[in-house]
Protein backbone atom coordinates (compact mmCIF):
# COMPACT_ATOMS: atom_id res chain seq x y z
CA MET A 1 -66.31 25.84 2.98
CA THR A 2 -63.89 27.05 6.20
CA SER A 3 -60.64 25.08 7.76
CA GLU A 4 -63.04 24.76 10.68
CA ALA A 5 -65.57 23.23 8.69
CA LEU A 6 -63.34 19.87 8.16
CA ASN A 7 -64.23 17.12 10.36
CA PRO A 8 -60.29 17.27 12.18
CA GLN A 9 -60.89 14.17 12.81
CA ASP A 10 -60.76 12.98 8.57
CA VAL A 11 -57.31 15.36 8.44
CA TRP A 12 -54.81 13.73 9.63
CA LEU A 13 -50.73 15.77 9.28
CA LEU A 14 -47.84 14.16 8.10
CA PRO A 15 -44.80 16.45 9.63
CA GLY A 16 -41.38 15.15 7.98
CA TRP A 17 -38.03 14.47 9.17
CA GLN A 18 -37.53 15.04 13.06
CA ASN A 19 -41.80 16.14 13.04
CA SER A 20 -43.19 19.41 13.26
CA ASP A 21 -41.82 21.60 16.25
CA ALA A 22 -44.36 23.88 18.40
CA GLY A 23 -44.27 27.05 16.44
CA HIS A 24 -44.85 25.13 12.67
CA TRP A 25 -47.93 25.76 10.67
CA GLN A 26 -48.53 21.51 11.52
CA SER A 27 -48.67 21.97 14.98
CA LEU A 28 -50.59 25.42 14.77
CA TRP A 29 -52.68 23.29 12.77
CA GLN A 30 -53.54 20.77 15.06
CA GLN A 31 -53.93 22.96 17.92
CA GLN A 32 -56.02 25.79 16.42
CA PHE A 33 -58.59 22.73 13.93
CA GLY A 34 -57.21 19.83 16.05
CA TYR A 35 -56.30 17.86 12.77
CA GLN A 36 -54.91 14.94 14.20
CA ARG A 37 -51.14 14.34 13.90
CA LEU A 38 -49.65 10.89 12.48
CA GLU A 39 -47.27 9.65 15.23
CA GLN A 40 -43.65 7.91 14.29
CA HIS A 41 -41.99 5.34 15.95
CA ASN A 42 -39.48 7.20 15.38
CA TRP A 43 -38.85 10.97 14.28
CA GLN A 44 -34.85 10.89 14.25
CA HIS A 45 -34.30 7.91 11.75
CA PRO A 46 -37.13 7.53 9.61
CA LEU A 47 -37.65 4.36 8.02
CA ARG A 48 -40.11 3.97 4.61
CA GLY A 49 -41.44 0.43 5.45
CA ASP A 50 -42.59 1.56 9.25
CA TRP A 51 -43.36 5.23 8.19
CA SER A 52 -45.26 3.42 5.22
CA ILE A 53 -47.00 1.04 7.49
CA ARG A 54 -48.79 3.15 10.50
CA LEU A 55 -50.10 5.00 7.45
CA GLN A 56 -51.79 2.42 6.31
CA GLU A 57 -53.14 2.05 9.68
CA THR A 58 -53.96 5.15 10.23
CA VAL A 59 -55.62 5.40 6.72
CA LEU A 60 -57.13 1.59 7.47
CA ASP A 61 -58.58 2.69 11.44
CA ALA A 62 -60.33 6.47 10.03
CA PRO A 63 -64.07 5.69 9.80
CA GLY A 64 -64.61 7.49 6.80
CA PRO A 65 -61.92 9.06 3.90
CA VAL A 66 -59.30 11.25 5.03
CA THR A 67 -57.37 14.57 4.25
CA LEU A 68 -54.03 14.49 4.40
CA VAL A 69 -51.56 17.21 4.93
CA ALA A 70 -47.69 16.24 4.57
CA HIS A 71 -44.78 18.50 5.07
CA SER A 72 -40.70 17.56 3.31
CA LEU A 73 -40.87 14.24 4.05
CA GLY A 74 -44.14 13.56 4.75
CA CYS A 75 -45.13 13.96 0.82
CA ILE A 76 -42.56 11.19 0.28
CA LEU A 77 -44.66 8.95 2.06
CA VAL A 78 -47.88 9.85 0.98
CA GLU A 79 -46.16 8.70 -2.92
CA TRP A 80 -44.85 5.88 -1.65
CA TRP A 81 -47.67 4.67 0.75
CA ALA A 82 -49.90 5.28 -2.08
CA ALA A 83 -48.39 3.56 -4.76
CA HIS A 84 -48.65 0.51 -2.59
CA SER A 85 -51.87 0.71 -0.98
CA GLN A 86 -54.91 -0.54 -1.81
CA VAL A 87 -57.24 1.79 -0.50
CA ALA A 88 -55.50 4.65 -1.41
CA LYS A 89 -57.83 5.09 -3.92
CA THR A 90 -61.02 4.55 -1.77
CA LYS A 91 -59.65 5.96 1.71
CA VAL A 92 -58.06 9.36 0.61
CA ARG A 93 -60.07 12.55 -0.48
CA GLY A 94 -57.12 14.32 -0.88
CA ALA A 95 -53.89 15.55 -0.45
CA LEU A 96 -51.89 18.71 0.46
CA LEU A 97 -48.15 18.58 0.14
CA VAL A 98 -46.42 21.04 1.12
CA ALA A 99 -41.68 21.28 0.62
CA PRO A 100 -40.89 17.45 -0.41
CA VAL A 101 -37.78 16.47 0.20
CA ASP A 102 -35.11 15.45 -2.02
CA THR A 103 -34.46 12.36 -0.94
CA GLU A 104 -32.13 11.92 -3.83
CA LEU A 105 -29.87 14.64 -3.18
CA GLU A 106 -26.47 14.21 -2.14
CA SER A 107 -26.70 16.12 1.22
CA LEU A 108 -29.59 13.96 2.47
CA ARG A 109 -28.82 10.03 0.77
CA GLY A 110 -26.67 9.57 3.86
CA ALA A 111 -29.50 11.04 6.82
CA LEU A 112 -31.80 9.29 4.34
CA PRO A 113 -31.44 6.05 3.12
CA SER A 114 -34.06 4.28 3.04
CA TRP A 115 -36.07 6.78 1.05
CA SER A 116 -34.84 6.48 -2.20
CA PRO A 117 -35.99 7.33 -4.81
CA VAL A 118 -38.40 9.22 -4.72
CA LEU A 119 -41.20 7.46 -6.77
CA LEU A 120 -43.25 9.38 -9.04
CA HIS A 121 -46.84 7.83 -10.42
CA LYS A 122 -49.95 9.52 -10.46
CA LEU A 123 -51.62 10.02 -7.40
CA PRO A 124 -55.15 7.97 -7.26
CA PHE A 125 -56.52 10.95 -5.29
CA PRO A 126 -56.72 15.08 -6.07
CA SER A 127 -53.02 17.10 -4.52
CA ILE A 128 -51.62 19.72 -4.75
CA LEU A 129 -47.59 20.57 -4.63
CA VAL A 130 -46.54 23.91 -2.90
CA GLY A 131 -43.09 24.61 -3.19
CA SER A 132 -40.07 27.47 -2.59
CA GLU A 133 -38.37 29.28 -4.79
CA ASN A 134 -35.73 28.42 -1.86
CA ASP A 135 -35.82 25.65 -0.28
CA PRO A 136 -32.98 23.92 0.70
CA ASN A 137 -33.80 20.93 0.12
CA CYS A 138 -35.60 20.69 -2.94
CA SER A 139 -34.95 23.07 -5.77
CA LEU A 140 -38.30 24.37 -7.38
CA ALA A 141 -37.46 22.57 -10.91
CA ARG A 142 -37.64 19.49 -8.70
CA ALA A 143 -40.65 20.35 -7.01
CA GLN A 144 -42.18 20.74 -10.48
CA ALA A 145 -41.03 17.41 -11.29
CA MET A 146 -42.83 15.80 -8.33
CA ALA A 147 -45.65 17.30 -8.90
CA ASP A 148 -45.66 16.32 -12.62
CA GLY A 149 -45.14 12.93 -12.02
CA TRP A 150 -47.35 12.84 -9.47
CA GLY A 151 -50.12 14.41 -11.06
CA SER A 152 -50.67 17.13 -8.45
CA ARG A 153 -51.40 20.87 -9.34
CA PHE A 154 -48.35 22.94 -8.40
CA VAL A 155 -48.34 26.05 -6.49
CA ASN A 156 -45.53 27.84 -6.84
CA ALA A 157 -44.83 29.65 -2.81
CA GLY A 158 -42.25 32.43 -3.40
CA ALA A 159 -39.32 32.24 -1.64
CA ALA A 160 -40.97 30.51 2.01
CA GLY A 161 -37.86 28.60 2.23
CA HIS A 162 -38.88 25.17 3.80
CA ILE A 163 -42.32 26.10 4.68
CA ASN A 164 -41.71 25.63 8.54
CA THR A 165 -40.85 27.55 11.11
CA ALA A 166 -37.87 29.25 9.50
CA SER A 167 -40.36 30.74 7.37
CA GLY A 168 -42.12 32.53 9.29
CA LEU A 169 -45.70 31.83 8.45
CA GLY A 170 -47.62 31.44 11.73
CA LEU A 171 -51.07 30.11 10.76
CA TRP A 172 -50.09 29.82 6.92
CA ASP A 173 -53.11 30.95 6.02
CA ASP A 174 -52.89 30.92 1.95
CA GLY A 175 -52.17 27.05 3.37
CA LEU A 176 -55.45 26.56 4.72
CA ALA A 177 -57.26 28.90 1.85
CA LEU A 178 -55.04 25.80 -0.85
CA LEU A 179 -56.33 22.95 2.02
CA LYS A 180 -60.43 24.51 0.79
CA THR A 181 -60.13 23.69 -2.42
CA LEU A 182 -59.22 19.74 -1.38
């Protein structure tokens, strides 16, 4: 299966805090493949309940099962939502979770007060979590612990920072290859 073979209406991009800018691989995937971006009401001051409701509405409105592609805070959103949604098991085909942010870090708690604690319940659908050895927002060990708790296959992306625009990944072919395995 190629990324073009995935139905663009069924692949939902879930950016993190402050959204994904034009050079981010999520934005490039949206442009190149027509994947859908879950728009949030407030990218600068995210509220976990508000973001969860937006995801719930989107999944419920989808005509069939969806694949979620989350970055940073979007990963924490997926876990929180899946732990509380009755439709997560039947309406989600799988999730690619990239560079989760550790909202329990002291440096992030003030900016993201409604996002702690990070739940570590097993997701009810297949998932892959990609972590980085030098992500300033989540240590590799913490990313591995999240993957273990969520029942996700863990992939070490090496020294890739926060796996965002600053990482210089462009279209991020390795991420596309992982998406195809879901």
